[in-house]
C-alpha atoms as a PDB file:
ATOM      1  CA  MET A   1      15.361  11.442   8.567  1.00  0.00           C
ATOM      2  CA  SER A   2      14.521  15.059   7.682  1.00  0.00           C
ATOM      3  CA  LEU A   3      18.168  15.692   6.730  1.00  0.00           C
ATOM      4  CA  PHE A   4      18.087  12.759   4.313  1.00  0.00           C
ATOM      5  CA  PHE A   5      14.893  13.994   2.660  1.00  0.00           C
ATOM      6  CA  ASN A   6      16.302  17.532   2.314  1.00  0.00           C
ATOM      7  CA  ILE A   7      19.508  16.223   0.712  1.00  0.00           C
ATOM      8  CA  PHE A   8      17.526  13.947  -1.612  1.00  0.00           C
ATOM      9  CA  LYS A   9      15.152  16.767  -2.587  1.00  0.00           C
ATOM     10  CA  GLY A  10      18.060  19.066  -3.397  1.00  0.00           C
ATOM     11  CA  PHE A  11      19.805  16.344  -5.410  1.00  0.00           C
ATOM     12  CA  THR A  12      16.698  15.558  -7.501  1.00  0.00           C
ATOM     13  CA  SER A  13      16.045  19.264  -8.104  1.00  0.00           C
ATOM     14  CA  TRP A  14      19.596  19.610  -9.452  1.00  0.00           C
ATOM     15  CA  ILE A  15      19.095  16.609 -11.741  1.00  0.00           C
ATOM     16  CA  GLU A  16      15.877  18.137 -13.125  1.00  0.00           C
ATOM     17  CA  ARG A  17      17.771  21.295 -14.153  1.00  0.00           C
ATOM     18  CA  LEU A  18      20.206  19.336 -16.315  1.00  0.00           C
ATOM     19  CA  SER A  19      19.597  18.876 -20.021  1.00  0.00           C
ATOM     20  CA  MET A  20      18.517  15.413 -21.199  1.00  0.00           C
ATOM     21  CA  THR A  21      21.995  14.666 -22.587  1.00  0.00           C
ATOM     22  CA  ALA A  22      23.682  15.796 -19.400  1.00  0.00           C
ATOM     23  CA  THR A  23      21.230  13.789 -17.319  1.00  0.00           C
ATOM     24  CA  VAL A  24      21.873  10.585 -19.269  1.00  0.00           C
ATOM     25  CA  THR A  25      25.633  11.146 -19.095  1.00  0.00           C
ATOM     26  CA  PHE A  26      25.502  11.744 -15.367  1.00  0.00           C
ATOM     27  CA  ILE A  27      23.423   8.625 -14.741  1.00  0.00           C
ATOM     28  CA  LEU A  28      25.764   6.492 -16.850  1.00  0.00           C
ATOM     29  CA  VAL A  29      28.820   7.743 -14.982  1.00  0.00           C
ATOM     30  CA  PHE A  30      27.030   7.223 -11.676  1.00  0.00           C
ATOM     31  CA  ILE A  31      26.119   3.626 -12.544  1.00  0.00           C
ATOM     32  CA  ILE A  32      29.686   2.861 -13.657  1.00  0.00           C
ATOM     33  CA  LEU A  33      31.017   4.213 -10.369  1.00  0.00           C
ATOM     34  CA  ILE A  34      28.523   2.090  -8.453  1.00  0.00           C
ATOM     35  CA  ILE A  35      29.584  -1.020 -10.381  1.00  0.00           C
ATOM     36  CA  VAL A  36      33.246  -0.286  -9.620  1.00  0.00           C
ATOM     37  CA  LEU A  37      32.291   0.115  -5.973  1.00  0.00           C
ATOM     38  CA  GLY A  38      30.559  -3.254  -6.134  1.00  0.00           C
ATOM     39  CA  VAL A  39      33.688  -4.922  -7.427  1.00  0.00           C
ATOM     40  CA  VAL A  40      35.917  -3.329  -4.825  1.00  0.00           C
ATOM     41  CA  VAL A  41      33.639  -3.409  -1.804  1.00  0.00           C
ATOM     42  CA  SER A  42      31.542  -6.457  -0.997  1.00  0.00           C
ATOM     43  CA  PRO A  43      28.790  -7.210   0.086  1.00  0.00           C
ATOM     44  CA  VAL A  44      27.932  -3.524   0.524  1.00  0.00           C
ATOM     45  CA  GLY A  45      28.925  -2.889  -3.066  1.00  0.00           C
ATOM     46  CA  ARG A  46      26.618  -5.580  -4.395  1.00  0.00           C
ATOM     47  CA  THR A  47      23.768  -4.095  -2.407  1.00  0.00           C
ATOM     48  CA  ALA A  48      24.556  -0.674  -3.856  1.00  0.00           C
ATOM     49  CA  ILE A  49      24.479  -2.102  -7.375  1.00  0.00           C
ATOM     50  CA  HIS A  50      21.108  -3.807  -6.910  1.00  0.00           C
ATOM     51  CA  THR A  51      19.611  -0.720  -5.277  1.00  0.00           C
ATOM     52  CA  SER A  52      20.852   1.693  -7.945  1.00  0.00           C
ATOM     53  CA  LEU A  53      19.685  -0.484 -10.819  1.00  0.00           C
ATOM     54  CA  PHE A  54      16.300  -1.066  -9.163  1.00  0.00           C
ATOM     55  CA  VAL A  55      15.670   2.644  -8.544  1.00  0.00           C
ATOM     56  CA  ALA A  56      16.621   3.548 -12.111  1.00  0.00           C
ATOM     57  CA  GLN A  57      14.241   0.876 -13.403  1.00  0.00           C
ATOM     58  CA  ILE A  58      11.087   2.019 -11.583  1.00  0.00           C
ATOM     59  CA  LEU A  59      11.604   5.780 -11.948  1.00  0.00           C
ATOM     60  CA  ASP A  60      10.691   7.689 -15.096  1.00  0.00           C
ATOM     61  CA  LEU A  61      14.263   7.879 -16.370  1.00  0.00           C
ATOM     62  CA  PRO A  62      15.396   7.772 -20.015  1.00  0.00           C
ATOM     63  CA  ILE A  63      17.605   4.722 -19.432  1.00  0.00           C
ATOM     64  CA  LYS A  64      16.855   1.379 -17.776  1.00  0.00           C
ATOM     65  CA  PRO A  65      20.237  -0.207 -16.946  1.00  0.00           C
ATOM     66  CA  GLN A  66      18.721  -3.375 -15.445  1.00  0.00           C
ATOM     67  CA  THR A  67      17.705  -4.431 -18.951  1.00  0.00           C
ATOM     68  CA  TRP A  68      21.336  -4.289 -20.095  1.00  0.00           C
ATOM     69  CA  PHE A  69      22.363  -7.129 -17.824  1.00  0.00           C
ATOM     70  CA  ILE A  70      19.240  -9.159 -17.001  1.00  0.00           C
ATOM     71  CA  ASP A  71      16.606 -10.748 -19.252  1.00  0.00           C
ATOM     72  CA  THR A  72      12.926  -9.870 -18.978  1.00  0.00           C
ATOM     73  CA  PRO A  73      11.385 -11.806 -16.063  1.00  0.00           C
ATOM     74  CA  ILE A  74       8.609 -14.316 -16.555  1.00  0.00           C
ATOM     75  CA  ARG A  75       5.128 -13.266 -15.416  1.00  0.00           C
ATOM     76  CA  GLU A  76       2.916 -16.158 -14.378  1.00  0.00           C
ATOM     77  CA  ARG A  77      -0.738 -16.064 -13.319  1.00  0.00           C
ATOM     78  CA  VAL A  78      -1.284 -18.513 -10.475  1.00  0.00           C
ATOM     79  CA  VAL A  79      -4.540 -19.786  -8.993  1.00  0.00           C
ATOM     80  CA  TYR A  80      -4.444 -21.554  -5.641  1.00  0.00           C
ATOM     81  CA  PRO A  81      -6.774 -22.508  -2.772  1.00  0.00           C
ATOM     82  CA  GLY A  82      -7.910 -19.854  -0.299  1.00  0.00           C
ATOM     83  CA  PRO A  83     -10.069 -19.974   2.829  1.00  0.00           C
ATOM     84  CA  ASN A  84     -13.247 -19.233   0.838  1.00  0.00           C
ATOM     85  CA  GLY A  85     -12.440 -20.314  -2.688  1.00  0.00           C
ATOM     86  CA  GLU A  86      -9.713 -19.723  -5.230  1.00  0.00           C
ATOM     87  CA  LEU A  87      -7.177 -16.895  -4.931  1.00  0.00           C
ATOM     88  CA  VAL A  88      -5.387 -15.300  -7.884  1.00  0.00           C
ATOM     89  CA  SER A  89      -1.912 -13.786  -7.997  1.00  0.00           C
ATOM     90  CA  ASP A  90       0.746 -12.766 -10.490  1.00  0.00           C
ATOM     91  CA  VAL A  91       4.273 -14.059  -9.921  1.00  0.00           C
ATOM     92  CA  TYR A  92       7.367 -12.454 -11.497  1.00  0.00           C
ATOM     93  CA  PHE A  93      10.615 -14.438 -11.585  1.00  0.00           C
ATOM     94  CA  LEU A  94      13.746 -15.021 -13.645  1.00  0.00           C
ATOM     95  CA  SER A  95      14.038 -18.113 -15.829  1.00  0.00           C
ATOM     96  CA  SER A  96      17.034 -19.342 -13.835  1.00  0.00           C
ATOM     97  CA  SER A  97      16.289 -22.409 -11.709  1.00  0.00           C
ATOM     98  CA  GLU A  98      18.240 -20.933  -8.801  1.00  0.00           C
ATOM     99  CA  PRO A  99      15.968 -20.464  -5.732  1.00  0.00           C
ATOM    100  CA  ARG A 100      15.623 -16.824  -4.711  1.00  0.00           C
ATOM    101  CA  PRO A 101      14.135 -14.799  -1.839  1.00  0.00           C
ATOM    102  CA  GLY A 102      10.453 -14.039  -2.279  1.00  0.00           C
ATOM    103  CA  ILE A 103       8.215 -11.098  -1.529  1.00  0.00           C
ATOM    104  CA  LEU A 104       4.416 -11.002  -1.391  1.00  0.00           C
ATOM    105  CA  LEU A 105       2.994  -7.586  -2.302  1.00  0.00           C
ATOM    106  CA  PHE A 106      -0.512  -6.198  -1.797  1.00  0.00           C
ATOM    107  CA  LEU A 107      -1.588  -2.949  -3.449  1.00  0.00           C
ATOM    108  CA  GLY A 108      -4.668  -2.556  -1.236  1.00  0.00           C
ATOM    109  CA  ALA A 109      -7.671  -0.464  -2.281  1.00  0.00           C
ATOM    110  CA  ASN A 110      -6.142   0.569  -5.577  1.00  0.00           C
ATOM    111  CA  ALA A 111      -7.696   0.137  -8.994  1.00  0.00           C
ATOM    112  CA  ALA A 112      -4.307  -0.580 -10.591  1.00  0.00           C
ATOM    113  CA  GLY A 113      -4.619  -4.078 -12.019  1.00  0.00           C
ATOM    114  CA  ARG A 114      -2.258  -6.764 -13.218  1.00  0.00           C
ATOM    115  CA  ASP A 115      -1.689  -5.041 -16.577  1.00  0.00           C
ATOM    116  CA  ASP A 116      -1.018  -1.572 -15.164  1.00  0.00           C
ATOM    117  CA  PRO A 117       2.382  -0.393 -16.525  1.00  0.00           C
ATOM    118  CA  ASP A 118       3.589   0.720 -13.087  1.00  0.00           C
ATOM    119  CA  VAL A 119       2.695  -2.657 -11.572  1.00  0.00           C
ATOM    120  CA  ILE A 120       4.501  -4.522 -14.345  1.00  0.00           C
ATOM    121  CA  ARG A 121       7.529  -2.244 -14.024  1.00  0.00           C
ATOM    122  CA  LEU A 122       7.692  -2.832 -10.265  1.00  0.00           C
ATOM    123  CA  GLY A 123       7.312  -6.597 -10.595  1.00  0.00           C
ATOM    124  CA  GLN A 124       9.993  -6.839 -13.260  1.00  0.00           C
ATOM    125  CA  ALA A 125      12.402  -4.542 -11.410  1.00  0.00           C
ATOM    126  CA  LEU A 126      12.128  -6.543  -8.190  1.00  0.00           C
ATOM    127  CA  ALA A 127      12.493  -9.837 -10.074  1.00  0.00           C
ATOM    128  CA  ARG A 128      15.599  -8.513 -11.814  1.00  0.00           C
ATOM    129  CA  SER A 129      16.917  -7.501  -8.378  1.00  0.00           C
ATOM    130  CA  GLY A 130      16.812 -11.128  -7.300  1.00  0.00           C
ATOM    131  CA  PHE A 131      13.315 -11.703  -5.899  1.00  0.00           C
ATOM    132  CA  VAL A 132      10.433 -13.961  -6.753  1.00  0.00           C
ATOM    133  CA  VAL A 133       7.629 -11.382  -6.627  1.00  0.00           C
ATOM    134  CA  MET A 134       4.009 -12.298  -5.973  1.00  0.00           C
ATOM    135  CA  PHE A 135       1.176  -9.745  -6.280  1.00  0.00           C
ATOM    136  CA  HIS A 136      -1.991 -10.660  -4.396  1.00  0.00           C
ATOM    137  CA  TRP A 137      -5.119  -9.409  -6.190  1.00  0.00           C
ATOM    138  CA  SER A 138      -8.368  -8.496  -4.439  1.00  0.00           C
ATOM    139  CA  GLN A 139     -11.497  -7.828  -6.474  1.00  0.00           C
ATOM    140  CA  SER A 140     -13.381  -6.208  -3.584  1.00  0.00           C
ATOM    141  CA  MET A 141     -10.553  -3.846  -2.665  1.00  0.00           C
ATOM    142  CA  GLY A 142      -8.788  -3.312  -5.971  1.00  0.00           C
ATOM    143  CA  GLU A 143     -11.819  -2.908  -8.227  1.00  0.00           C
ATOM    144  CA  GLN A 144     -14.573  -1.808  -5.833  1.00  0.00           C
ATOM    145  CA  ASN A 145     -12.475   0.451  -3.567  1.00  0.00           C
ATOM    146  CA  GLU A 146     -13.651  -1.225  -0.381  1.00  0.00           C
ATOM    147  CA  LEU A 147     -11.892  -2.319   2.803  1.00  0.00           C
ATOM    148  CA  ASP A 148     -12.313  -6.069   3.144  1.00  0.00           C
ATOM    149  CA  PRO A 149     -11.000  -7.574   6.418  1.00  0.00           C
ATOM    150  CA  SER A 150     -11.088 -11.057   4.869  1.00  0.00           C
ATOM    151  CA  GLU A 151      -8.116 -10.076   2.691  1.00  0.00           C
ATOM    152  CA  ILE A 152      -5.872 -10.332   5.752  1.00  0.00           C
ATOM    153  CA  GLU A 153      -6.644 -14.045   5.929  1.00  0.00           C
ATOM    154  CA  ASN A 154      -6.138 -14.309   2.174  1.00  0.00           C
ATOM    155  CA  LEU A 155      -2.668 -12.787   2.567  1.00  0.00           C
ATOM    156  CA  VAL A 156      -1.772 -15.508   5.058  1.00  0.00           C
ATOM    157  CA  TRP A 157      -2.777 -18.169   2.547  1.00  0.00           C
ATOM    158  CA  ALA A 158      -0.951 -16.341  -0.247  1.00  0.00           C
ATOM    159  CA  PHE A 159       2.264 -16.216   1.775  1.00  0.00           C
ATOM    160  CA  GLN A 160       2.033 -19.933   2.551  1.00  0.00           C
ATOM    161  CA  HIS A 161       1.634 -20.613  -1.165  1.00  0.00           C
ATOM    162  CA  LEU A 162       4.631 -18.430  -2.027  1.00  0.00           C
ATOM    163  CA  ILE A 163       7.098 -20.028   0.391  1.00  0.00           C
ATOM    164  CA  ALA A 164       6.059 -23.494  -0.813  1.00  0.00           C
ATOM    165  CA  LYS A 165       7.211 -22.735  -4.370  1.00  0.00           C
ATOM    166  CA  PRO A 166      10.404 -24.632  -5.322  1.00  0.00           C
ATOM    167  CA  ASN A 167      12.123 -21.518  -6.723  1.00  0.00           C
ATOM    168  CA  VAL A 168      11.665 -19.553  -3.475  1.00  0.00           C
ATOM    169  CA  VAL A 169      14.032 -19.467  -0.484  1.00  0.00           C
ATOM    170  CA  ALA A 170      11.418 -19.603   2.268  1.00  0.00           C
ATOM    171  CA  SER A 171      13.743 -18.384   5.029  1.00  0.00           C
ATOM    172  CA  LYS A 172      14.451 -15.140   3.121  1.00  0.00           C
ATOM    173  CA  THR A 173      10.899 -14.329   2.077  1.00  0.00           C
ATOM    174  CA  GLY A 174       8.808 -11.410   3.299  1.00  0.00           C
ATOM    175  CA  ILE A 175       5.618  -9.458   2.752  1.00  0.00           C
ATOM    176  CA  GLY A 176       4.847  -5.843   1.923  1.00  0.00           C
ATOM    177  CA  GLY A 177       2.177  -3.489   0.713  1.00  0.00           C
ATOM    178  CA  PHE A 178       1.285   0.013  -0.328  1.00  0.00           C
ATOM    179  CA  SER A 179      -1.108   2.370   1.482  1.00  0.00           C
ATOM    180  CA  VAL A 180      -3.954   0.237   2.893  1.00  0.00           C
ATOM    181  CA  GLY A 181      -2.124  -2.804   1.531  1.00  0.00           C
ATOM    182  CA  GLY A 182       0.838  -1.980   3.754  1.00  0.00           C
ATOM    183  CA  SER A 183      -1.364  -1.982   6.841  1.00  0.00           C
ATOM    184  CA  PHE A 184      -2.960  -5.290   5.859  1.00  0.00           C
ATOM    185  CA  ALA A 185       0.527  -6.746   5.296  1.00  0.00           C
ATOM    186  CA  LEU A 186       1.587  -5.658   8.789  1.00  0.00           C
ATOM    187  CA  ILE A 187      -1.438  -7.362  10.338  1.00  0.00           C
ATOM    188  CA  ALA A 188      -0.989 -10.559   8.312  1.00  0.00           C
ATOM    189  CA  SER A 189       2.701 -10.718   9.242  1.00  0.00           C
ATOM    190  CA  GLY A 190       1.718 -11.100  12.891  1.00  0.00           C
ATOM    191  CA  ASP A 191      -0.472 -14.144  12.261  1.00  0.00           C
ATOM    192  CA  SER A 192       0.747 -17.103  14.325  1.00  0.00           C
ATOM    193  CA  ARG A 193       0.697 -19.418  11.289  1.00  0.00           C
ATOM    194  CA  ILE A 194       3.318 -17.461   9.349  1.00  0.00           C
ATOM    195  CA  ARG A 195       5.004 -14.889  11.617  1.00  0.00           C
ATOM    196  CA  ASP A 196       7.958 -17.164  12.388  1.00  0.00           C
ATOM    197  CA  ASP A 197       8.479 -17.746   8.656  1.00  0.00           C
ATOM    198  CA  ILE A 198       8.472 -14.078   7.600  1.00  0.00           C
ATOM    199  CA  ALA A 199      11.940 -12.605   7.110  1.00  0.00           C
ATOM    200  CA  PHE A 200      10.742  -9.012   6.728  1.00  0.00           C
ATOM    201  CA  VAL A 201       7.641  -6.857   6.351  1.00  0.00           C
ATOM    202  CA  ASN A 202       7.560  -3.553   4.453  1.00  0.00           C
ATOM    203  CA  SER A 203       4.823  -0.930   4.756  1.00  0.00           C
ATOM    204  CA  PHE A 204       4.777   1.887   2.223  1.00  0.00           C
ATOM    205  CA  GLY A 205       2.420   4.680   3.286  1.00  0.00           C
ATOM    206  CA  GLY A 206       0.175   2.593   5.546  1.00  0.00           C
ATOM    207  CA  TYR A 207      -2.056   3.638   8.436  1.00  0.00           C
ATOM    208  CA  PHE A 208      -1.807   2.662  12.099  1.00  0.00           C
ATOM    209  CA  ASN A 209      -5.369   2.912  13.422  1.00  0.00           C
ATOM    210  CA  ALA A 210      -8.413   2.774  11.133  1.00  0.00           C
ATOM    211  CA  HIS A 211     -10.682   4.577  13.624  1.00  0.00           C
ATOM    212  CA  GLU A 212      -8.284   7.510  13.873  1.00  0.00           C
ATOM    213  CA  LEU A 213      -7.738   7.543  10.112  1.00  0.00           C
ATOM    214  CA  PHE A 214     -11.493   7.806   9.534  1.00  0.00           C
ATOM    215  CA  LEU A 215     -11.721  10.712  11.985  1.00  0.00           C
ATOM    216  CA  GLN A 216      -8.991  12.518  10.076  1.00  0.00           C
ATOM    217  CA  ILE A 217     -10.745  11.926   6.760  1.00  0.00           C
ATOM    218  CA  ALA A 218     -14.085  13.142   8.139  1.00  0.00           C
ATOM    219  CA  THR A 219     -12.521  16.312   9.557  1.00  0.00           C
ATOM    220  CA  ARG A 220     -10.206  16.893   6.564  1.00  0.00           C
ATOM    221  CA  SER A 221      -7.395  17.348   9.048  1.00  0.00           C
ATOM    222  CA  ILE A 222      -4.276  15.617  10.350  1.00  0.00           C
ATOM    223  CA  ILE A 223      -4.805  15.045  14.054  1.00  0.00           C
ATOM    224  CA  ASP A 224      -1.654  14.900  16.165  1.00  0.00           C
ATOM    225  CA  GLY A 225      -2.540  14.933  19.845  1.00  0.00           C
ATOM    226  CA  ASN A 226      -4.442  18.161  20.439  1.00  0.00           C
ATOM    227  CA  THR A 227      -3.282  19.698  17.167  1.00  0.00           C
ATOM    228  CA  GLN A 228      -5.255  19.686  13.919  1.00  0.00           C
ATOM    229  CA  THR A 229      -3.658  20.575  10.588  1.00  0.00           C
ATOM    230  CA  GLU A 230      -5.668  21.031   7.401  1.00  0.00           C
ATOM    231  CA  TRP A 231      -5.443  18.040   5.066  1.00  0.00           C
ATOM    232  CA  ALA A 232      -6.470  17.960   1.390  1.00  0.00           C
ATOM    233  CA  VAL A 233      -7.697  14.360   1.302  1.00  0.00           C
ATOM    234  CA  ASP A 234      -7.056  12.434  -1.922  1.00  0.00           C
ATOM    235  CA  THR A 235     -10.115  11.465  -3.971  1.00  0.00           C
ATOM    236  CA  LEU A 236      -9.288   7.738  -3.756  1.00  0.00           C
ATOM    237  CA  THR A 237      -9.161   7.946   0.041  1.00  0.00           C
ATOM    238  CA  LEU A 238     -12.529   9.734   0.068  1.00  0.00           C
ATOM    239  CA  ARG A 239     -14.013   7.098  -2.250  1.00  0.00           C
ATOM    240  CA  VAL A 240     -12.922   4.208  -0.027  1.00  0.00           C
ATOM    241  CA  PHE A 241     -14.075   6.081   3.087  1.00  0.00           C
ATOM    242  CA  SER A 242     -17.474   6.832   1.512  1.00  0.00           C
ATOM    243  CA  ASN A 243     -18.005   3.195   0.531  1.00  0.00           C
ATOM    244  CA  GLU A 244     -17.254   2.003   4.057  1.00  0.00           C
ATOM    245  CA  ILE A 245     -19.411   4.585   5.824  1.00  0.00           C
ATOM    246  CA  ILE A 246     -22.342   4.143   3.437  1.00  0.00           C
ATOM    247  CA  GLY A 247     -22.095   0.395   4.013  1.00  0.00           C
ATOM    248  CA  SER A 248     -23.034   0.968   7.660  1.00  0.00           C
ATOM    249  CA  LEU A 249     -26.586   1.959   6.678  1.00  0.00           C
ATOM    250  CA  THR A 250     -29.368  -0.579   7.113  1.00  0.00           C
ATOM    251  CA  ASP A 251     -31.633   0.733   4.339  1.00  0.00           C
ATOM    252  CA  ASP A 252     -30.524  -0.558   0.929  1.00  0.00           C
ATOM    253  CA  SER A 253     -32.318   2.231  -0.944  1.00  0.00           C
ATOM    254  CA  GLU A 254     -30.418   4.851   1.057  1.00  0.00           C
ATOM    255  CA  LYS A 255     -27.158   3.041   0.385  1.00  0.00           C
ATOM    256  CA  GLU A 256     -27.831   3.147  -3.350  1.00  0.00           C
ATOM    257  CA  LEU A 257     -28.924   6.785  -3.204  1.00  0.00           C
ATOM    258  CA  LEU A 258     -25.768   7.956  -1.423  1.00  0.00           C
ATOM    259  CA  ARG A 259     -23.496   5.813  -3.574  1.00  0.00           C
ATOM    260  CA  GLY A 260     -25.111   7.340  -6.640  1.00  0.00           C
ATOM    261  CA  LEU A 261     -24.632  10.819  -5.202  1.00  0.00           C
ATOM    262  CA  TYR A 262     -20.911  10.416  -4.512  1.00  0.00           C
ATOM    263  CA  GLU A 263     -20.267   8.524  -7.732  1.00  0.00           C
ATOM    264  CA  GLY A 264     -21.870  11.347  -9.711  1.00  0.00           C
ATOM    265  CA  ARG A 265     -24.870   9.334 -10.917  1.00  0.00           C
ATOM    266  CA  ILE A 266     -27.330  11.395  -8.847  1.00  0.00           C
ATOM    267  CA  THR A 267     -27.293  15.177  -8.454  1.00  0.00           C
ATOM    268  CA  THR A 268     -27.635  17.101  -5.199  1.00  0.00           C
ATOM    269  CA  GLU A 269     -31.010  18.279  -6.496  1.00  0.00           C
ATOM    270  CA  SER A 270     -32.518  14.789  -6.230  1.00  0.00           C
ATOM    271  CA  SER A 271     -35.943  14.829  -4.599  1.00  0.00           C
ATOM    272  CA  ALA A 272     -34.992  11.787  -2.510  1.00  0.00           C
ATOM    273  CA  LEU A 273     -32.235  13.541  -0.529  1.00  0.00           C
ATOM    274  CA  PRO A 274     -34.549  15.508   1.810  1.00  0.00           C
ATOM    275  CA  LYS A 275     -36.196  12.197   2.755  1.00  0.00           C
ATOM    276  CA  LEU A 276     -33.023  10.645   4.159  1.00  0.00           C
ATOM    277  CA  SER A 277     -33.255   9.043   7.593  1.00  0.00           C
ATOM    278  CA  PRO A 278     -31.417  10.624  10.556  1.00  0.00           C
ATOM    279  CA  GLN A 279     -28.811   7.847  10.284  1.00  0.00           C
ATOM    280  CA  ALA A 280     -28.203   8.541   6.587  1.00  0.00           C
ATOM    281  CA  ILE A 281     -27.989  12.295   7.214  1.00  0.00           C
ATOM    282  CA  LYS A 282     -25.214  11.693   9.745  1.00  0.00           C
ATOM    283  CA  VAL A 283     -23.376   9.420   7.330  1.00  0.00           C
ATOM    284  CA  LYS A 284     -23.614  12.124   4.671  1.00  0.00           C
ATOM    285  CA  GLU A 285     -22.228  14.653   7.162  1.00  0.00           C
ATOM    286  CA  LEU A 286     -19.187  12.442   7.760  1.00  0.00           C
ATOM    287  CA  ILE A 287     -18.532  12.113   4.046  1.00  0.00           C
ATOM    288  CA  ASP A 288     -19.003  15.824   3.333  1.00  0.00           C
ATOM    289  CA  GLY A 289     -16.688  16.814   6.195  1.00  0.00           C
ATOM    290  CA  THR A 290     -17.485  17.912   9.721  1.00  0.00           C
ATOM    291  CA  SER A 291     -16.000  18.982  13.046  1.00  0.00           C
ATOM    292  CA  LEU A 292     -13.928  16.639  15.197  1.00  0.00           C
ATOM    293  CA  GLU A 293     -16.530  16.609  17.957  1.00  0.00           C
ATOM    294  CA  SER A 294     -19.329  15.748  15.548  1.00  0.00           C
ATOM    295  CA  ALA A 295     -17.206  13.146  13.742  1.00  0.00           C
ATOM    296  CA  ARG A 296     -16.425  11.354  16.995  1.00  0.00           C
ATOM    297  CA  GLN A 297     -20.085  11.275  17.972  1.00  0.00           C
ATOM    298  CA  ILE A 298     -21.267   9.968  14.611  1.00  0.00           C
ATOM    299  CA  MET A 299     -18.472   7.392  14.414  1.00  0.00           C
ATOM    300  CA  ALA A 300     -19.432   6.064  17.848  1.00  0.00           C
ATOM    301  CA  GLU A 301     -22.993   5.567  16.601  1.00  0.00           C
ATOM    302  CA  LEU A 302     -22.037   3.516  13.546  1.00  0.00           C
ATOM    303  CA  SER A 303     -23.200  -0.088  13.419  1.00  0.00           C
ATOM    304  CA  GLY A 304     -21.297  -2.566  15.560  1.00  0.00           C
ATOM    305  CA  GLU A 305     -20.266  -4.505  12.463  1.00  0.00           C
ATOM    306  CA  VAL A 306     -18.465  -1.485  10.998  1.00  0.00           C
ATOM    307  CA  LEU A 307     -16.669  -0.746  14.265  1.00  0.00           C
ATOM    308  CA  ILE A 308     -15.572  -4.386  14.519  1.00  0.00           C
ATOM    309  CA  ASP A 309     -14.248  -4.227  10.949  1.00  0.00           C
ATOM    310  CA  LEU A 310     -12.228  -1.117  11.798  1.00  0.00           C
ATOM    311  CA  ASP A 311     -10.735  -2.948  14.781  1.00  0.00           C
ATOM    312  CA  GLN A 312      -9.832  -5.926  12.595  1.00  0.00           C
ATOM    313  CA  ILE A 313      -7.989  -3.803  10.034  1.00  0.00           C
ATOM    314  CA  SER A 314      -6.063  -1.647  12.540  1.00  0.00           C
ATOM    315  CA  PRO A 315      -2.356  -2.596  12.877  1.00  0.00           C
ATOM    316  CA  SER A 316      -2.413  -0.878  16.285  1.00  0.00           C
ATOM    317  CA  ASN A 317      -4.180  -3.976  17.620  1.00  0.00           C
ATOM    318  CA  TYR A 318      -1.563  -6.396  16.262  1.00  0.00           C
ATOM    319  CA  VAL A 319       1.775  -4.587  16.390  1.00  0.00           C
ATOM    320  CA  HIS A 320       3.081  -6.709  19.266  1.00  0.00           C
ATOM    321  CA  ASN A 321       2.491  -9.903  17.252  1.00  0.00           C
ATOM    322  CA  ILE A 322       5.038  -8.951  14.586  1.00  0.00           C
ATOM    323  CA  LYS A 323       8.331 -10.849  14.966  1.00  0.00           C
ATOM    324  CA  SER A 324      10.161 -10.010  11.729  1.00  0.00           C
ATOM    325  CA  GLU A 325      12.268  -7.064  10.614  1.00  0.00           C
ATOM    326  CA  VAL A 326      10.055  -4.078   9.741  1.00  0.00           C
ATOM    327  CA  LEU A 327      10.665  -1.329   7.188  1.00  0.00           C
ATOM    328  CA  VAL A 328       8.257   1.630   7.164  1.00  0.00           C
ATOM    329  CA  ILE A 329       8.406   4.197   4.356  1.00  0.00           C
ATOM    330  CA  HIS A 330       6.022   7.140   4.074  1.00  0.00           C
ATOM    331  CA  ASP A 331       5.984  10.316   1.982  1.00  0.00           C
ATOM    332  CA  VAL A 332       5.701  13.312   4.318  1.00  0.00           C
ATOM    333  CA  ALA A 333       3.360  14.953   1.779  1.00  0.00           C
ATOM    334  CA  ASP A 334       1.134  11.886   1.291  1.00  0.00           C
ATOM    335  CA  LEU A 335      -2.493  12.858   0.534  1.00  0.00           C
ATOM    336  CA  LEU A 336      -3.789   9.280   0.676  1.00  0.00           C
ATOM    337  CA  ILE A 337      -2.817   8.600   4.296  1.00  0.00           C
ATOM    338  CA  PRO A 338      -1.144  11.125   6.650  1.00  0.00           C
ATOM    339  CA  VAL A 339       2.482  10.395   7.530  1.00  0.00           C
ATOM    340  CA  ASN A 340       1.663  10.665  11.241  1.00  0.00           C
ATOM    341  CA  GLU A 341      -0.009   7.241  10.988  1.00  0.00           C
ATOM    342  CA  SER A 342       3.346   5.598  10.218  1.00  0.00           C
ATOM    343  CA  ARG A 343       5.068   7.653  12.893  1.00  0.00           C
ATOM    344  CA  LYS A 344       2.608   6.344  15.501  1.00  0.00           C
ATOM    345  CA  PHE A 345       3.383   2.801  14.399  1.00  0.00           C
ATOM    346  CA  LEU A 346       7.139   3.321  14.684  1.00  0.00           C
ATOM    347  CA  LEU A 347       6.792   4.543  18.266  1.00  0.00           C
ATOM    348  CA  LEU A 348       5.562   1.092  19.311  1.00  0.00           C
ATOM    349  CA  LEU A 349       8.141  -0.998  17.465  1.00  0.00           C
END
């Protein structure tokens, strides 16, 4: 794995040093060679073609070869029944009536919405690669940066809706997600109602255990056994963490005060801060960063409801329920979720 990343890093660095003209020329020659390979070698060649065209489409490259051969996919907003009301998704697919494999994607606690250029680019690239792509949207997680365990159930319903579509090959359909969405996808894929119908599950940068992830956020460190390594936690991760920890408080006025503080609506000079309860002071300590010993003690004292939620959203409790093929991808320099979370998951597969 490390050898692959080193080779890839060196290759991309070389590409960056080329002039724009040289870069375009190189990419064109590379694509032509891949197409020739696809003609000569099959089915490996066809896979190489799809992969090369897909990668070129989603990266910030000056040319998008997928558009040379394949029309712009259709994007359709679909509304369908869920366990507690209507669910909303976007589906990307080609106009051809030919049934294709499907993939359900969940972006997790990310504010990127249906009209985000990166989301559209990903949906179109996957559709052009031969998939019917369905994005599951969550208002609580996507717009409010919260962790909502009920979205796992919603993913089950979303997958059932996807495989029932006439243009989807149910037996070749899977589920995937990014960051927190990847972890939720892993858990949903083990649900007894759909696990035998899932062809694959992909997790991109997910976590393995929510309790351990929260400890790492609170200590600003990557914890690997008895070793702690400093970790510069991403602001989105801190925002989601803060919302969850503040939600454990019982006093609504203290919840609003701390939310205002960490959202920048209230300054640290507020006269209300010295009046915080002992519980709120401990919550603030977790958010501001503390020692591992203190973090463990405070986490253990959180409300039972919060601890139950963390259990429900931890793939570590469901890994043995997963029956499908699993692909785990994680950037070793990820600031949202440490790569060691994915490594712990792989050890149990």
